[in-house]
């Protein structure tokens, strides 16, 4: 499966001490990219600082740099195209329960 993700980061938040010099002389920064089912403002991708094992063990919070959205995906069968961001089933079920609860109400609206 392949995917295309559009994202942006706030480069001012990148801690300069975590820049890594590559063998080719280029400068790199290691990111962690998280793709979630939940969305906020249409974004389901988060970009954050890659933490070391020591930082994770010390429960140091990850530095959040930006967000994005999965805009294209290719499934295992070779089909591809625009995707719709998924809604979690629990949220849909909660919405159904709220509608049913309101139908049993004595309220005139």
C-alpha atoms as a PDB file:
ATOM      1  CA  UNK A   1       0.000   0.000   0.000  1.00  0.00           C
ATOM      2  CA  UNK A   2       1.233   3.491  -0.761  1.00  0.00           C
ATOM      3  CA  UNK A   3      -0.034   6.902   0.257  1.00  0.00           C
ATOM      4  CA  UNK A   4       0.548  10.588  -0.323  1.00  0.00           C
ATOM      5  CA  UNK A   5       0.453  12.940   2.645  1.00  0.00           C
ATOM      6  CA  UNK A   6       0.451  16.720   2.470  1.00  0.00           C
ATOM      7  CA  UNK A   7       1.859  18.305   5.634  1.00  0.00           C
ATOM      8  CA  UNK A   8       3.484  21.430   6.993  1.00  0.00           C
ATOM      9  CA  UNK A   9       5.785  22.089   9.921  1.00  0.00           C
ATOM     10  CA  UNK A  10       6.781  25.094  11.983  1.00  0.00           C
ATOM     11  CA  UNK A  11      10.551  25.153  11.377  1.00  0.00           C
ATOM     12  CA  UNK A  12      11.060  27.678  14.177  1.00  0.00           C
ATOM     13  CA  UNK A  13      10.188  24.896  16.652  1.00  0.00           C
ATOM     14  CA  UNK A  14      12.967  22.555  15.452  1.00  0.00           C
ATOM     15  CA  UNK A  15      15.568  22.281  18.235  1.00  0.00           C
ATOM     16  CA  UNK A  16      18.910  23.039  16.574  1.00  0.00           C
ATOM     17  CA  UNK A  17      20.763  20.654  18.900  1.00  0.00           C
ATOM     18  CA  UNK A  18      18.933  17.713  17.294  1.00  0.00           C
ATOM     19  CA  UNK A  19      20.149  18.433  13.756  1.00  0.00           C
ATOM     20  CA  UNK A  20      22.293  15.559  12.483  1.00  0.00           C
ATOM     21  CA  UNK A  21      25.206  15.898  10.062  1.00  0.00           C
ATOM     22  CA  UNK A  22      25.115  13.217   7.401  1.00  0.00           C
ATOM     23  CA  UNK A  23      28.089  11.475   5.831  1.00  0.00           C
ATOM     24  CA  UNK A  24      27.484  13.502   2.683  1.00  0.00           C
ATOM     25  CA  UNK A  25      27.734  16.788   4.612  1.00  0.00           C
ATOM     26  CA  UNK A  26      23.989  17.448   4.455  1.00  0.00           C
ATOM     27  CA  UNK A  27      22.031  18.327   7.606  1.00  0.00           C
ATOM     28  CA  UNK A  28      19.114  16.096   8.640  1.00  0.00           C
ATOM     29  CA  UNK A  29      16.368  16.129  11.243  1.00  0.00           C
ATOM     30  CA  UNK A  30      14.546  12.989  12.382  1.00  0.00           C
ATOM     31  CA  UNK A  31      10.749  13.176  12.594  1.00  0.00           C
ATOM     32  CA  UNK A  32       8.033  10.865  13.771  1.00  0.00           C
ATOM     33  CA  UNK A  33       4.896  10.884  11.653  1.00  0.00           C
ATOM     34  CA  UNK A  34       1.646   9.596  13.114  1.00  0.00           C
ATOM     35  CA  UNK A  35      -1.434   8.778  11.032  1.00  0.00           C
ATOM     36  CA  UNK A  36      -4.679   8.565  12.995  1.00  0.00           C
ATOM     37  CA  UNK A  37      -8.288   7.622  12.316  1.00  0.00           C
ATOM     38  CA  UNK A  38      -9.533  10.674  14.239  1.00  0.00           C
ATOM     39  CA  UNK A  39      -9.417  13.993  12.489  1.00  0.00           C
ATOM     40  CA  UNK A  40      -9.350  17.561  13.658  1.00  0.00           C
ATOM     41  CA  UNK A  41     -10.011  20.266  11.094  1.00  0.00           C
ATOM     42  CA  UNK A  42      -9.592  17.636   8.376  1.00  0.00           C
ATOM     43  CA  UNK A  43      -6.074  16.677   9.501  1.00  0.00           C
ATOM     44  CA  UNK A  44      -5.254  13.102  10.432  1.00  0.00           C
ATOM     45  CA  UNK A  45      -1.443  13.289  10.319  1.00  0.00           C
ATOM     46  CA  UNK A  46       0.781  14.676  13.083  1.00  0.00           C
ATOM     47  CA  UNK A  47       4.500  15.471  12.755  1.00  0.00           C
ATOM     48  CA  UNK A  48       6.602  15.438  15.884  1.00  0.00           C
ATOM     49  CA  UNK A  49      10.163  15.168  17.108  1.00  0.00           C
ATOM     50  CA  UNK A  50      11.645  11.662  17.112  1.00  0.00           C
ATOM     51  CA  UNK A  51      12.469  10.895  20.724  1.00  0.00           C
ATOM     52  CA  UNK A  52      15.273   8.649  21.916  1.00  0.00           C
ATOM     53  CA  UNK A  53      14.544   5.610  24.088  1.00  0.00           C
ATOM     54  CA  UNK A  54      15.866   7.545  27.076  1.00  0.00           C
ATOM     55  CA  UNK A  55      13.488  10.442  26.346  1.00  0.00           C
ATOM     56  CA  UNK A  56      10.547   8.047  26.017  1.00  0.00           C
ATOM     57  CA  UNK A  57      11.493   6.221  29.253  1.00  0.00           C
ATOM     58  CA  UNK A  58      11.745   9.570  31.065  1.00  0.00           C
ATOM     59  CA  UNK A  59       8.229  10.378  29.744  1.00  0.00           C
ATOM     60  CA  UNK A  60       9.508  13.527  28.060  1.00  0.00           C
ATOM     61  CA  UNK A  61       6.645  14.894  25.942  1.00  0.00           C
ATOM     62  CA  UNK A  62       7.127  14.872  22.189  1.00  0.00           C
ATOM     63  CA  UNK A  63       7.563  18.238  20.500  1.00  0.00           C
ATOM     64  CA  UNK A  64       4.696  18.758  18.056  1.00  0.00           C
ATOM     65  CA  UNK A  65       5.781  20.493  14.823  1.00  0.00           C
ATOM     66  CA  UNK A  66       2.792  20.436  12.529  1.00  0.00           C
ATOM     67  CA  UNK A  67       0.038  18.449  10.908  1.00  0.00           C
ATOM     68  CA  UNK A  68      -1.238  17.205   7.607  1.00  0.00           C
ATOM     69  CA  UNK A  69      -3.696  15.037   5.787  1.00  0.00           C
ATOM     70  CA  UNK A  70      -3.580  11.781   3.859  1.00  0.00           C
ATOM     71  CA  UNK A  71      -4.790  12.869   0.420  1.00  0.00           C
ATOM     72  CA  UNK A  72      -4.235   9.754  -1.704  1.00  0.00           C
ATOM     73  CA  UNK A  73      -3.859   6.069  -0.975  1.00  0.00           C
ATOM     74  CA  UNK A  74      -3.190   2.945  -3.023  1.00  0.00           C
ATOM     75  CA  UNK A  75      -4.548  -0.264  -1.557  1.00  0.00           C
ATOM     76  CA  UNK A  76      -3.033  -3.741  -1.775  1.00  0.00           C
ATOM     77  CA  UNK A  77      -5.153  -4.598  -4.836  1.00  0.00           C
ATOM     78  CA  UNK A  78      -3.664  -1.732  -6.846  1.00  0.00           C
ATOM     79  CA  UNK A  79      -6.709   0.532  -6.631  1.00  0.00           C
ATOM     80  CA  UNK A  80      -5.910   4.164  -6.015  1.00  0.00           C
ATOM     81  CA  UNK A  81      -7.524   7.540  -5.712  1.00  0.00           C
ATOM     82  CA  UNK A  82      -8.782  10.221  -3.377  1.00  0.00           C
ATOM     83  CA  UNK A  83      -9.695   8.988   0.082  1.00  0.00           C
ATOM     84  CA  UNK A  84     -12.296  10.107   2.561  1.00  0.00           C
ATOM     85  CA  UNK A  85     -11.107  10.523   6.110  1.00  0.00           C
ATOM     86  CA  UNK A  86     -12.566   7.827   8.332  1.00  0.00           C
ATOM     87  CA  UNK A  87     -14.937   8.523  11.190  1.00  0.00           C
ATOM     88  CA  UNK A  88     -14.636   6.299  14.183  1.00  0.00           C
ATOM     89  CA  UNK A  89     -17.563   3.901  14.600  1.00  0.00           C
ATOM     90  CA  UNK A  90     -17.946   4.812  18.294  1.00  0.00           C
ATOM     91  CA  UNK A  91     -18.667   8.436  17.350  1.00  0.00           C
ATOM     92  CA  UNK A  92     -21.248   7.357  14.796  1.00  0.00           C
ATOM     93  CA  UNK A  93     -22.900   5.061  17.363  1.00  0.00           C
ATOM     94  CA  UNK A  94     -22.957   7.881  19.966  1.00  0.00           C
ATOM     95  CA  UNK A  95     -24.637  10.163  17.423  1.00  0.00           C
ATOM     96  CA  UNK A  96     -27.268   7.494  16.671  1.00  0.00           C
ATOM     97  CA  UNK A  97     -27.973   7.068  20.397  1.00  0.00           C
ATOM     98  CA  UNK A  98     -28.367  10.844  20.827  1.00  0.00           C
ATOM     99  CA  UNK A  99     -30.888  11.003  17.971  1.00  0.00           C
ATOM    100  CA  UNK A 100     -32.875   8.088  19.405  1.00  0.00           C
ATOM    101  CA  UNK A 101     -32.845   9.672  22.882  1.00  0.00           C
ATOM    102  CA  UNK A 102     -34.235  12.922  21.465  1.00  0.00           C
ATOM    103  CA  UNK A 103     -37.043  11.071  19.659  1.00  0.00           C
ATOM    104  CA  UNK A 104     -38.327   9.782  23.017  1.00  0.00           C
ATOM    105  CA  UNK A 105     -38.263  13.261  24.527  1.00  0.00           C
ATOM    106  CA  UNK A 106     -41.399  15.278  25.398  1.00  0.00           C
ATOM    107  CA  UNK A 107     -39.729  18.443  24.071  1.00  0.00           C
ATOM    108  CA  UNK A 108     -41.663  20.208  21.308  1.00  0.00           C
ATOM    109  CA  UNK A 109     -38.518  20.814  19.243  1.00  0.00           C
END
